[in-house]
Amino acid sequence: QVQLVESGGGLVQAVGSLRLSCAASGSIFSLNTAGWYRQSPEKERELVAAISSVSSGDNTWYTESVKGRFTISRDNAKNTLYLQMNSRKPEDTAMYYCAHEGYWGQGTQVTVSS
C-alpha cells in the first residue's frame, strides 16, 4: 500500500527558511518522476516542481512563477521528497501536495503572510 505524507507547512512570512517534506512508503521516489502540486480556492491545481528518476538524470522542472525561488530535491536513502521554498510571496499560499506514480499525499497548507 502506497502512502505519501507531507509535512512542513504553516503560516509563514515571506522571508526565512521553509522546506516541505513528503515521506513515502510502498513507493520508491527514485524510480520515477515525482512532483509537488499546489491548489488554492481561487486556482486549479497546478504542478509546481518535478524531479525525474535517478535513471533519467534527476532532471528538475519548475513552473515559471517559482523559478529561482523554489528547489525540489530528493533524499533517496530516506525516500523523501522536499520542496525548499525561498523568497515566498502571498500568491504562494495554497495546499501543497506531493505526487508519485499516480498517488497523492493529503497535502500540507502553506499560508504566506503579506
N, C-alpha and C. Protein backbone atom coordinates (compact mmCIF):
# COMPACT_ATOMS: atom_id res chain seq x y z
N GLN A 1 0.85 -1.19 0.00
CA GLN A 1 0.00 0.00 0.00
C GLN A 1 0.89 1.25 0.00
N VAL A 2 0.65 2.12 -0.96
CA VAL A 2 1.43 3.34 -1.09
C VAL A 2 0.85 4.43 -0.20
N GLN A 3 1.74 5.11 0.50
CA GLN A 3 1.33 6.23 1.33
C GLN A 3 2.35 7.35 1.19
N LEU A 4 1.85 8.55 0.93
CA LEU A 4 2.68 9.74 0.85
C LEU A 4 2.21 10.69 1.94
N VAL A 5 3.13 11.16 2.76
CA VAL A 5 2.77 12.01 3.88
C VAL A 5 3.59 13.30 3.83
N GLU A 6 2.90 14.41 3.59
CA GLU A 6 3.56 15.71 3.53
C GLU A 6 3.62 16.34 4.92
N SER A 7 4.61 17.20 5.11
CA SER A 7 4.74 17.97 6.34
C SER A 7 5.54 19.22 6.08
N GLY A 8 5.53 20.12 7.03
CA GLY A 8 6.37 21.31 6.93
C GLY A 8 5.64 22.60 6.63
N GLY A 9 4.38 22.54 6.34
CA GLY A 9 3.64 23.75 6.03
C GLY A 9 3.30 24.55 7.27
N GLY A 10 2.65 25.67 7.07
CA GLY A 10 2.22 26.51 8.19
C GLY A 10 2.01 27.93 7.75
N LEU A 11 1.83 28.79 8.74
CA LEU A 11 1.72 30.23 8.49
C LEU A 11 3.12 30.81 8.56
N VAL A 12 3.57 31.36 7.45
CA VAL A 12 4.96 31.81 7.35
C VAL A 12 5.02 33.21 6.78
N GLN A 13 6.15 33.85 7.01
CA GLN A 13 6.41 35.14 6.40
C GLN A 13 7.14 34.95 5.08
N ALA A 14 7.31 36.02 4.37
CA ALA A 14 7.94 35.93 3.05
C ALA A 14 9.41 35.54 3.15
N VAL A 15 10.06 35.95 4.20
CA VAL A 15 11.49 35.64 4.36
C VAL A 15 11.65 34.49 5.36
N GLY A 16 12.85 33.89 5.31
CA GLY A 16 13.09 32.78 6.22
C GLY A 16 13.03 31.46 5.47
N SER A 17 13.43 30.42 6.14
CA SER A 17 13.51 29.10 5.52
C SER A 17 12.21 28.33 5.70
N LEU A 18 11.78 27.69 4.62
CA LEU A 18 10.63 26.80 4.69
C LEU A 18 10.89 25.63 3.76
N ARG A 19 10.81 24.45 4.29
CA ARG A 19 11.00 23.27 3.48
C ARG A 19 9.87 22.29 3.74
N LEU A 20 9.22 21.92 2.67
CA LEU A 20 8.19 20.89 2.75
C LEU A 20 8.83 19.53 2.55
N SER A 21 8.29 18.54 3.22
CA SER A 21 8.79 17.18 3.09
C SER A 21 7.64 16.25 2.71
N CYS A 22 7.98 15.20 2.00
CA CYS A 22 6.99 14.18 1.65
C CYS A 22 7.66 12.82 1.81
N ALA A 23 7.24 12.10 2.81
CA ALA A 23 7.80 10.79 3.07
C ALA A 23 6.94 9.72 2.41
N ALA A 24 7.58 8.79 1.75
CA ALA A 24 6.85 7.76 1.02
C ALA A 24 7.05 6.38 1.64
N SER A 25 6.00 5.60 1.61
CA SER A 25 6.09 4.19 1.95
C SER A 25 5.34 3.41 0.88
N GLY A 26 5.87 2.27 0.50
CA GLY A 26 5.25 1.47 -0.53
C GLY A 26 5.55 1.93 -1.94
N SER A 27 6.37 2.96 -2.06
CA SER A 27 6.75 3.50 -3.37
C SER A 27 8.14 4.09 -3.23
N ILE A 28 8.93 3.97 -4.26
CA ILE A 28 10.30 4.45 -4.21
C ILE A 28 10.44 5.66 -5.13
N PHE A 29 10.69 6.82 -4.53
CA PHE A 29 10.74 8.07 -5.28
C PHE A 29 11.78 8.05 -6.39
N SER A 30 12.90 7.40 -6.15
CA SER A 30 14.00 7.49 -7.10
C SER A 30 13.73 6.75 -8.42
N LEU A 31 12.71 5.92 -8.45
CA LEU A 31 12.45 5.10 -9.63
C LEU A 31 11.63 5.80 -10.70
N ASN A 32 10.88 6.82 -10.33
CA ASN A 32 10.02 7.53 -11.29
C ASN A 32 9.94 9.01 -10.93
N THR A 33 9.45 9.78 -11.85
CA THR A 33 9.28 11.22 -11.63
C THR A 33 8.32 11.47 -10.48
N ALA A 34 8.67 12.43 -9.64
CA ALA A 34 7.81 12.85 -8.54
C ALA A 34 7.65 14.36 -8.61
N GLY A 35 6.56 14.84 -8.07
CA GLY A 35 6.31 16.27 -8.18
C GLY A 35 5.57 16.84 -7.00
N TRP A 36 5.64 18.16 -6.93
CA TRP A 36 4.86 18.93 -5.97
C TRP A 36 3.81 19.72 -6.73
N TYR A 37 2.59 19.65 -6.28
CA TYR A 37 1.48 20.41 -6.82
C TYR A 37 0.95 21.35 -5.73
N ARG A 38 0.22 22.34 -6.17
CA ARG A 38 -0.46 23.19 -5.21
C ARG A 38 -1.83 23.58 -5.74
N GLN A 39 -2.71 23.88 -4.80
CA GLN A 39 -4.06 24.30 -5.16
C GLN A 39 -4.56 25.28 -4.12
N SER A 40 -5.15 26.36 -4.60
CA SER A 40 -5.78 27.33 -3.74
C SER A 40 -7.24 27.44 -4.15
N PRO A 41 -8.08 28.01 -3.30
CA PRO A 41 -9.51 28.12 -3.64
C PRO A 41 -9.76 28.88 -4.94
N GLU A 42 -8.83 29.78 -5.30
CA GLU A 42 -9.05 30.61 -6.48
C GLU A 42 -8.50 30.00 -7.75
N LYS A 43 -7.68 28.98 -7.63
CA LYS A 43 -7.00 28.44 -8.80
C LYS A 43 -7.15 26.92 -8.89
N GLU A 44 -6.94 26.44 -10.10
CA GLU A 44 -6.92 24.99 -10.30
C GLU A 44 -5.59 24.44 -9.77
N ARG A 45 -5.56 23.15 -9.51
CA ARG A 45 -4.33 22.52 -9.07
C ARG A 45 -3.27 22.65 -10.16
N GLU A 46 -2.09 23.04 -9.79
CA GLU A 46 -1.01 23.20 -10.76
C GLU A 46 0.24 22.48 -10.29
N LEU A 47 1.00 22.03 -11.27
CA LEU A 47 2.29 21.42 -10.98
C LEU A 47 3.29 22.53 -10.70
N VAL A 48 3.94 22.45 -9.56
CA VAL A 48 4.89 23.48 -9.15
C VAL A 48 6.31 23.08 -9.53
N ALA A 49 6.68 21.84 -9.23
CA ALA A 49 8.04 21.37 -9.49
C ALA A 49 8.02 19.86 -9.64
N ALA A 50 8.97 19.35 -10.40
CA ALA A 50 9.07 17.91 -10.58
C ALA A 50 10.54 17.53 -10.70
N ILE A 51 10.80 16.28 -10.33
CA ILE A 51 12.16 15.75 -10.44
C ILE A 51 12.07 14.36 -11.05
N SER A 52 12.91 14.11 -12.02
CA SER A 52 12.86 12.83 -12.72
C SER A 52 13.57 11.76 -11.91
N SER A 53 13.50 10.55 -12.39
CA SER A 53 14.11 9.44 -11.70
C SER A 53 15.64 9.52 -11.76
N VAL A 54 16.28 8.71 -10.95
CA VAL A 54 17.74 8.65 -10.97
C VAL A 54 18.23 8.22 -12.34
N SER A 55 17.56 7.22 -12.91
CA SER A 55 17.98 6.70 -14.22
C SER A 55 17.80 7.71 -15.34
N SER A 56 16.92 8.68 -15.11
CA SER A 56 16.69 9.74 -16.11
C SER A 56 17.52 10.98 -15.82
N GLY A 57 18.34 10.92 -14.80
CA GLY A 57 19.26 12.02 -14.57
C GLY A 57 18.87 13.04 -13.53
N ASP A 58 17.84 12.75 -12.72
CA ASP A 58 17.43 13.70 -11.68
C ASP A 58 17.14 15.08 -12.25
N ASN A 59 16.60 15.14 -13.43
CA ASN A 59 16.28 16.44 -14.02
C ASN A 59 15.12 17.10 -13.28
N THR A 60 15.20 18.40 -13.15
CA THR A 60 14.15 19.13 -12.44
C THR A 60 13.42 20.08 -13.38
N TRP A 61 12.20 20.37 -13.03
CA TRP A 61 11.36 21.29 -13.80
C TRP A 61 10.57 22.14 -12.82
N TYR A 62 10.39 23.41 -13.16
CA TYR A 62 9.64 24.32 -12.31
C TYR A 62 8.66 25.14 -13.13
N THR A 63 7.53 25.42 -12.55
CA THR A 63 6.64 26.36 -13.20
C THR A 63 7.26 27.74 -13.12
N GLU A 64 6.97 28.56 -14.10
CA GLU A 64 7.66 29.83 -14.25
C GLU A 64 7.61 30.69 -13.00
N SER A 65 6.51 30.69 -12.31
CA SER A 65 6.32 31.61 -11.19
C SER A 65 7.19 31.29 -9.97
N VAL A 66 7.78 30.11 -9.94
CA VAL A 66 8.60 29.76 -8.78
C VAL A 66 10.07 29.56 -9.14
N LYS A 67 10.41 29.72 -10.40
CA LYS A 67 11.80 29.54 -10.81
C LYS A 67 12.70 30.51 -10.07
N GLY A 68 13.81 29.99 -9.57
CA GLY A 68 14.74 30.82 -8.83
C GLY A 68 14.39 30.97 -7.37
N ARG A 69 13.20 30.53 -6.97
CA ARG A 69 12.78 30.66 -5.57
C ARG A 69 12.59 29.30 -4.89
N PHE A 70 12.08 28.35 -5.62
CA PHE A 70 11.81 27.02 -5.06
C PHE A 70 12.82 26.02 -5.59
N THR A 71 13.12 25.02 -4.79
CA THR A 71 14.02 23.95 -5.20
C THR A 71 13.44 22.61 -4.78
N ILE A 72 13.29 21.72 -5.75
CA ILE A 72 12.84 20.37 -5.45
C ILE A 72 14.06 19.47 -5.33
N SER A 73 13.99 18.55 -4.38
CA SER A 73 15.10 17.62 -4.20
C SER A 73 14.57 16.33 -3.60
N ARG A 74 15.44 15.37 -3.52
CA ARG A 74 15.03 14.05 -3.07
C ARG A 74 16.17 13.44 -2.28
N ASP A 75 15.85 12.81 -1.16
CA ASP A 75 16.82 12.04 -0.39
C ASP A 75 16.49 10.58 -0.61
N ASN A 76 17.28 9.92 -1.43
CA ASN A 76 16.97 8.54 -1.78
C ASN A 76 17.07 7.60 -0.59
N ALA A 77 18.02 7.85 0.28
CA ALA A 77 18.19 6.98 1.45
C ALA A 77 16.98 7.06 2.38
N LYS A 78 16.38 8.25 2.48
CA LYS A 78 15.21 8.43 3.33
C LYS A 78 13.90 8.26 2.56
N ASN A 79 14.01 8.10 1.24
CA ASN A 79 12.81 8.01 0.39
C ASN A 79 11.87 9.17 0.66
N THR A 80 12.44 10.35 0.65
CA THR A 80 11.69 11.56 0.98
C THR A 80 11.92 12.62 -0.09
N LEU A 81 10.86 13.29 -0.44
CA LEU A 81 10.87 14.37 -1.42
C LEU A 81 10.77 15.69 -0.67
N TYR A 82 11.48 16.70 -1.16
CA TYR A 82 11.48 18.00 -0.49
C TYR A 82 11.12 19.12 -1.47
N LEU A 83 10.62 20.19 -0.91
CA LEU A 83 10.44 21.41 -1.68
C LEU A 83 10.91 22.56 -0.80
N GLN A 84 12.05 23.13 -1.14
CA GLN A 84 12.58 24.30 -0.45
C GLN A 84 11.91 25.53 -1.04
N MET A 85 11.29 26.32 -0.19
CA MET A 85 10.55 27.49 -0.66
C MET A 85 11.18 28.74 -0.07
N ASN A 86 11.91 29.46 -0.91
CA ASN A 86 12.55 30.72 -0.50
C ASN A 86 11.82 31.89 -1.13
N SER A 87 12.08 33.08 -0.60
CA SER A 87 11.50 34.31 -1.14
C SER A 87 10.02 34.15 -1.46
N ARG A 88 9.29 33.75 -0.47
CA ARG A 88 7.87 33.43 -0.68
C ARG A 88 7.04 34.68 -0.92
N LYS A 89 5.95 34.49 -1.58
CA LYS A 89 5.02 35.57 -1.89
C LYS A 89 3.62 35.16 -1.41
N PRO A 90 2.78 36.14 -1.15
CA PRO A 90 1.41 35.79 -0.73
C PRO A 90 0.70 34.87 -1.73
N GLU A 91 1.01 35.03 -3.01
CA GLU A 91 0.37 34.17 -4.02
C GLU A 91 0.86 32.73 -3.98
N ASP A 92 1.86 32.43 -3.16
CA ASP A 92 2.27 31.04 -2.96
C ASP A 92 1.38 30.33 -1.96
N THR A 93 0.49 31.06 -1.34
CA THR A 93 -0.44 30.47 -0.38
C THR A 93 -1.31 29.43 -1.08
N ALA A 94 -1.27 28.21 -0.57
CA ALA A 94 -2.01 27.10 -1.19
C ALA A 94 -1.82 25.85 -0.36
N MET A 95 -2.61 24.84 -0.71
CA MET A 95 -2.35 23.50 -0.19
C MET A 95 -1.36 22.85 -1.14
N TYR A 96 -0.30 22.32 -0.57
CA TYR A 96 0.75 21.70 -1.37
C TYR A 96 0.68 20.18 -1.22
N TYR A 97 0.72 19.51 -2.37
CA TYR A 97 0.61 18.06 -2.42
C TYR A 97 1.84 17.48 -3.12
N CYS A 98 2.30 16.34 -2.65
CA CYS A 98 3.29 15.61 -3.44
C CYS A 98 2.56 14.48 -4.16
N ALA A 99 3.12 14.10 -5.28
CA ALA A 99 2.50 13.07 -6.12
C ALA A 99 3.58 12.19 -6.72
N HIS A 100 3.27 10.92 -6.83
CA HIS A 100 4.22 9.95 -7.37
C HIS A 100 3.48 8.72 -7.83
N GLU A 101 3.71 8.34 -9.08
CA GLU A 101 3.13 7.11 -9.65
C GLU A 101 1.60 7.06 -9.47
N GLY A 102 0.97 8.20 -9.60
CA GLY A 102 -0.48 8.25 -9.53
C GLY A 102 -1.05 8.35 -8.12
N TYR A 103 -0.17 8.39 -7.14
CA TYR A 103 -0.60 8.51 -5.75
C TYR A 103 -0.37 9.94 -5.26
N TRP A 104 -1.21 10.33 -4.33
CA TRP A 104 -1.16 11.68 -3.78
C TRP A 104 -1.12 11.64 -2.26
N GLY A 105 -0.43 12.64 -1.71
CA GLY A 105 -0.50 12.79 -0.27
C GLY A 105 -1.74 13.57 0.13
N GLN A 106 -1.88 13.81 1.41
CA GLN A 106 -3.07 14.50 1.92
C GLN A 106 -2.91 16.02 1.85
N GLY A 107 -1.70 16.48 1.62
CA GLY A 107 -1.45 17.91 1.47
C GLY A 107 -0.99 18.56 2.76
N THR A 108 -0.27 19.66 2.60
CA THR A 108 0.13 20.48 3.73
C THR A 108 -0.11 21.94 3.34
N GLN A 109 -0.77 22.68 4.21
CA GLN A 109 -1.15 24.04 3.91
C GLN A 109 0.01 25.00 4.15
N VAL A 110 0.26 25.85 3.17
CA VAL A 110 1.23 26.92 3.31
C VAL A 110 0.50 28.25 3.15
N THR A 111 0.59 29.07 4.15
CA THR A 111 -0.02 30.39 4.10
C THR A 111 1.07 31.43 4.30
N VAL A 112 1.27 32.27 3.31
CA VAL A 112 2.31 33.29 3.35
C VAL A 112 1.68 34.62 3.73
N SER A 113 2.10 35.17 4.84
CA SER A 113 1.55 36.45 5.28
C SER A 113 2.17 37.58 4.49
N SER A 114 1.36 38.58 4.23
CA SER A 114 1.85 39.71 3.44
C SER A 114 2.33 40.84 4.34
